[in-house]
Amino acid sequence: MRMWIGRAGRALSIAAIIYLLLWLACILWFWLGMPFSGGGIFAYTLLVYYITLPAASAVVCALAGWRIELEWARLLAPLAGALPYVAALLLTFSLSTALGLANIAPVGLAAFLTGLAPGVIGFACGWALRRFRDAPR
């Protein structure tokens, strides 16, 4: 049992670091010019805000839901997964609008809920898998 908990702990740490590195790469990709090169903003939005960041958040939150020794602190994982999502929107689209480079809608509550949803789903999956594994047979 300790072996599985130890592996989940290392996996959670590695997944969180990878999530933050992906987040940083997405910010750099935006500001290094890819979306401004003729229609790239659509591909950037689709790839980053609808695939990459939600998937990474779901994986991190699933691992947090799996770790029972975190107790109630693990319930903060979906919030922690949603904050980088919103921060990425603020550091890319909202900042480019403020600087006058583009005119893109501001970030609001909908963006936070969009970032929160994959984390909640991932957390619920990790929690359910842990409960299923630990259930008496």
C-alpha atoms as a PDB file:
ATOM      1  CA  MET A   1       0.000   0.000   0.000  1.00  0.00           C
ATOM      2  CA  ARG A   2       2.810   2.451   0.850  1.00  0.00           C
ATOM      3  CA  MET A   3       4.367   1.774  -2.522  1.00  0.00           C
ATOM      4  CA  TRP A   4       1.205   2.966  -4.343  1.00  0.00           C
ATOM      5  CA  ILE A   5       0.911   6.061  -2.151  1.00  0.00           C
ATOM      6  CA  GLY A   6       4.563   6.906  -2.754  1.00  0.00           C
ATOM      7  CA  ARG A   7       4.149   6.509  -6.505  1.00  0.00           C
ATOM      8  CA  ALA A   8       1.028   8.678  -6.518  1.00  0.00           C
ATOM      9  CA  GLY A   9       2.893  11.332  -4.540  1.00  0.00           C
ATOM     10  CA  ARG A  10       5.783  11.424  -6.992  1.00  0.00           C
ATOM     11  CA  ALA A  11       3.409  11.336  -9.945  1.00  0.00           C
ATOM     12  CA  LEU A  12       1.437  14.277  -8.536  1.00  0.00           C
ATOM     13  CA  SER A  13       4.587  16.336  -8.072  1.00  0.00           C
ATOM     14  CA  ILE A  14       5.839  15.529 -11.576  1.00  0.00           C
ATOM     15  CA  ALA A  15       2.413  16.207 -13.116  1.00  0.00           C
ATOM     16  CA  ALA A  16       2.161  19.569 -11.337  1.00  0.00           C
ATOM     17  CA  ILE A  17       5.604  20.579 -12.587  1.00  0.00           C
ATOM     18  CA  ILE A  18       4.740  19.490 -16.137  1.00  0.00           C
ATOM     19  CA  TYR A  19       1.465  21.433 -15.941  1.00  0.00           C
ATOM     20  CA  LEU A  20       3.304  24.590 -14.915  1.00  0.00           C
ATOM     21  CA  LEU A  21       5.906  24.095 -17.660  1.00  0.00           C
ATOM     22  CA  LEU A  22       3.137  23.639 -20.245  1.00  0.00           C
ATOM     23  CA  TRP A  23       1.476  26.769 -18.909  1.00  0.00           C
ATOM     24  CA  LEU A  24       4.697  28.734 -19.278  1.00  0.00           C
ATOM     25  CA  ALA A  25       5.253  27.332 -22.780  1.00  0.00           C
ATOM     26  CA  CYS A  26       1.754  28.435 -23.805  1.00  0.00           C
ATOM     27  CA  ILE A  27       2.381  31.971 -22.547  1.00  0.00           C
ATOM     28  CA  LEU A  28       5.717  32.128 -24.388  1.00  0.00           C
ATOM     29  CA  TRP A  29       4.177  30.698 -27.555  1.00  0.00           C
ATOM     30  CA  PHE A  30       1.590  33.461 -27.538  1.00  0.00           C
ATOM     31  CA  TRP A  31       4.042  36.288 -26.987  1.00  0.00           C
ATOM     32  CA  LEU A  32       6.709  34.998 -29.355  1.00  0.00           C
ATOM     33  CA  GLY A  33       4.347  35.654 -32.228  1.00  0.00           C
ATOM     34  CA  MET A  34       2.688  32.470 -33.402  1.00  0.00           C
ATOM     35  CA  PRO A  35      -0.937  33.672 -33.044  1.00  0.00           C
ATOM     36  CA  PHE A  36      -0.219  36.982 -34.760  1.00  0.00           C
ATOM     37  CA  SER A  37       0.950  35.288 -37.942  1.00  0.00           C
ATOM     38  CA  GLY A  38      -2.270  35.262 -39.933  1.00  0.00           C
ATOM     39  CA  GLY A  39      -5.098  33.265 -38.406  1.00  0.00           C
ATOM     40  CA  GLY A  40      -2.928  31.519 -35.845  1.00  0.00           C
ATOM     41  CA  ILE A  41      -5.029  32.859 -32.988  1.00  0.00           C
ATOM     42  CA  PHE A  42      -7.740  30.278 -33.699  1.00  0.00           C
ATOM     43  CA  ALA A  43      -5.287  27.376 -33.668  1.00  0.00           C
ATOM     44  CA  TYR A  44      -3.628  28.750 -30.539  1.00  0.00           C
ATOM     45  CA  THR A  45      -6.955  29.103 -28.717  1.00  0.00           C
ATOM     46  CA  LEU A  46      -8.128  25.656 -29.737  1.00  0.00           C
ATOM     47  CA  LEU A  47      -4.893  23.909 -28.853  1.00  0.00           C
ATOM     48  CA  VAL A  48      -4.100  25.758 -25.635  1.00  0.00           C
ATOM     49  CA  TYR A  49      -7.401  26.705 -24.027  1.00  0.00           C
ATOM     50  CA  TYR A  50      -9.540  23.778 -25.129  1.00  0.00           C
ATOM     51  CA  ILE A  51      -7.065  20.878 -25.203  1.00  0.00           C
ATOM     52  CA  THR A  52      -3.680  21.328 -23.505  1.00  0.00           C
ATOM     53  CA  LEU A  53      -4.399  23.249 -20.306  1.00  0.00           C
ATOM     54  CA  PRO A  54      -7.712  21.492 -19.471  1.00  0.00           C
ATOM     55  CA  ALA A  55      -6.169  18.050 -20.046  1.00  0.00           C
ATOM     56  CA  ALA A  56      -3.157  18.851 -17.882  1.00  0.00           C
ATOM     57  CA  SER A  57      -5.405  20.248 -15.155  1.00  0.00           C
ATOM     58  CA  ALA A  58      -7.588  17.133 -15.244  1.00  0.00           C
ATOM     59  CA  VAL A  59      -4.563  14.833 -14.860  1.00  0.00           C
ATOM     60  CA  VAL A  60      -3.144  16.801 -11.934  1.00  0.00           C
ATOM     61  CA  CYS A  61      -6.528  16.914 -10.214  1.00  0.00           C
ATOM     62  CA  ALA A  62      -7.116  13.191 -10.812  1.00  0.00           C
ATOM     63  CA  LEU A  63      -3.832  12.423  -9.081  1.00  0.00           C
ATOM     64  CA  ALA A  64      -4.791  14.775  -6.239  1.00  0.00           C
ATOM     65  CA  GLY A  65      -8.146  13.005  -5.915  1.00  0.00           C
ATOM     66  CA  TRP A  66      -6.308   9.691  -5.757  1.00  0.00           C
ATOM     67  CA  ARG A  67      -4.117  10.760  -2.827  1.00  0.00           C
ATOM     68  CA  ILE A  68      -6.149  10.045   0.283  1.00  0.00           C
ATOM     69  CA  GLU A  69      -3.444  11.183   2.711  1.00  0.00           C
ATOM     70  CA  LEU A  70      -3.928  14.788   1.596  1.00  0.00           C
ATOM     71  CA  GLU A  71      -7.344  14.646   3.309  1.00  0.00           C
ATOM     72  CA  TRP A  72      -9.386  17.839   2.867  1.00  0.00           C
ATOM     73  CA  ALA A  73      -6.517  19.816   1.345  1.00  0.00           C
ATOM     74  CA  ARG A  74      -6.933  17.855  -1.882  1.00  0.00           C
ATOM     75  CA  LEU A  75     -10.302  19.541  -2.419  1.00  0.00           C
ATOM     76  CA  LEU A  76      -8.358  22.674  -3.343  1.00  0.00           C
ATOM     77  CA  ALA A  77      -6.806  20.931  -6.363  1.00  0.00           C
ATOM     78  CA  PRO A  78      -9.538  21.953  -8.865  1.00  0.00           C
ATOM     79  CA  LEU A  79      -9.186  25.574  -7.738  1.00  0.00           C
ATOM     80  CA  ALA A  80      -5.415  25.344  -8.056  1.00  0.00           C
ATOM     81  CA  GLY A  81      -5.890  23.942 -11.566  1.00  0.00           C
ATOM     82  CA  ALA A  82      -8.297  26.724 -12.578  1.00  0.00           C
ATOM     83  CA  LEU A  83      -6.084  29.597 -11.428  1.00  0.00           C
ATOM     84  CA  PRO A  84      -3.296  29.015 -14.010  1.00  0.00           C
ATOM     85  CA  TYR A  85      -5.966  28.739 -16.714  1.00  0.00           C
ATOM     86  CA  VAL A  86      -7.364  32.162 -15.840  1.00  0.00           C
ATOM     87  CA  ALA A  87      -3.868  33.578 -15.359  1.00  0.00           C
ATOM     88  CA  ALA A  88      -2.943  32.390 -18.848  1.00  0.00           C
ATOM     89  CA  LEU A  89      -5.960  34.198 -20.282  1.00  0.00           C
ATOM     90  CA  LEU A  90      -5.036  37.330 -18.380  1.00  0.00           C
ATOM     91  CA  LEU A  91      -1.385  37.190 -19.449  1.00  0.00           C
ATOM     92  CA  THR A  92      -2.195  36.605 -23.107  1.00  0.00           C
ATOM     93  CA  PHE A  93      -5.519  37.870 -24.442  1.00  0.00           C
ATOM     94  CA  SER A  94      -6.357  40.483 -21.803  1.00  0.00           C
ATOM     95  CA  LEU A  95      -2.833  41.882 -21.734  1.00  0.00           C
ATOM     96  CA  SER A  96      -2.677  42.090 -25.521  1.00  0.00           C
ATOM     97  CA  THR A  97      -5.985  43.983 -25.476  1.00  0.00           C
ATOM     98  CA  ALA A  98      -4.689  46.346 -22.787  1.00  0.00           C
ATOM     99  CA  LEU A  99      -1.524  46.972 -24.802  1.00  0.00           C
ATOM    100  CA  GLY A 100      -3.585  47.691 -27.915  1.00  0.00           C
ATOM    101  CA  LEU A 101      -2.236  44.740 -29.892  1.00  0.00           C
ATOM    102  CA  ALA A 102      -5.581  42.989 -30.260  1.00  0.00           C
ATOM    103  CA  ASN A 103      -9.189  43.486 -29.256  1.00  0.00           C
ATOM    104  CA  ILE A 104     -10.246  40.310 -27.482  1.00  0.00           C
ATOM    105  CA  ALA A 105     -13.026  39.905 -24.934  1.00  0.00           C
ATOM    106  CA  PRO A 106     -12.015  40.344 -21.286  1.00  0.00           C
ATOM    107  CA  VAL A 107     -11.663  37.455 -18.867  1.00  0.00           C
ATOM    108  CA  GLY A 108     -14.635  36.883 -16.579  1.00  0.00           C
ATOM    109  CA  LEU A 109     -16.360  34.325 -14.388  1.00  0.00           C
ATOM    110  CA  ALA A 110     -17.048  32.112 -17.408  1.00  0.00           C
ATOM    111  CA  ALA A 111     -13.300  31.717 -17.966  1.00  0.00           C
ATOM    112  CA  PHE A 112     -12.821  30.662 -14.348  1.00  0.00           C
ATOM    113  CA  LEU A 113     -15.628  28.112 -14.584  1.00  0.00           C
ATOM    114  CA  THR A 114     -14.197  26.829 -17.869  1.00  0.00           C
ATOM    115  CA  GLY A 115     -10.855  26.320 -16.164  1.00  0.00           C
ATOM    116  CA  LEU A 116     -12.487  24.764 -13.087  1.00  0.00           C
ATOM    117  CA  ALA A 117     -14.550  22.151 -14.941  1.00  0.00           C
ATOM    118  CA  PRO A 118     -11.709  19.847 -16.108  1.00  0.00           C
ATOM    119  CA  GLY A 119     -10.169  19.931 -12.648  1.00  0.00           C
ATOM    120  CA  VAL A 120     -13.425  18.938 -10.980  1.00  0.00           C
ATOM    121  CA  ILE A 121     -13.966  16.123 -13.489  1.00  0.00           C
ATOM    122  CA  GLY A 122     -10.400  14.869 -13.055  1.00  0.00           C
ATOM    123  CA  PHE A 123     -10.637  15.103  -9.268  1.00  0.00           C
ATOM    124  CA  ALA A 124     -13.907  13.150  -9.266  1.00  0.00           C
ATOM    125  CA  CYS A 125     -12.358  10.444 -11.467  1.00  0.00           C
ATOM    126  CA  GLY A 126      -9.315  10.110  -9.207  1.00  0.00           C
ATOM    127  CA  TRP A 127     -11.486  10.014  -6.093  1.00  0.00           C
ATOM    128  CA  ALA A 128     -13.835   7.414  -7.613  1.00  0.00           C
ATOM    129  CA  LEU A 129     -10.959   5.197  -8.748  1.00  0.00           C
ATOM    130  CA  ARG A 130      -9.430   5.353  -5.276  1.00  0.00           C
ATOM    131  CA  ARG A 131     -12.776   4.498  -3.636  1.00  0.00           C
ATOM    132  CA  PHE A 132     -13.295   1.621  -6.070  1.00  0.00           C
ATOM    133  CA  ARG A 133      -9.808   0.255  -5.399  1.00  0.00           C
ATOM    134  CA  ASP A 134     -10.165   0.492  -1.611  1.00  0.00           C
ATOM    135  CA  ALA A 135     -13.722  -0.902  -1.476  1.00  0.00           C
ATOM    136  CA  PRO A 136     -14.091  -4.198   0.373  1.00  0.00           C
ATOM    137  CA  ARG A 137     -14.794  -7.124  -1.913  1.00  0.00           C
END
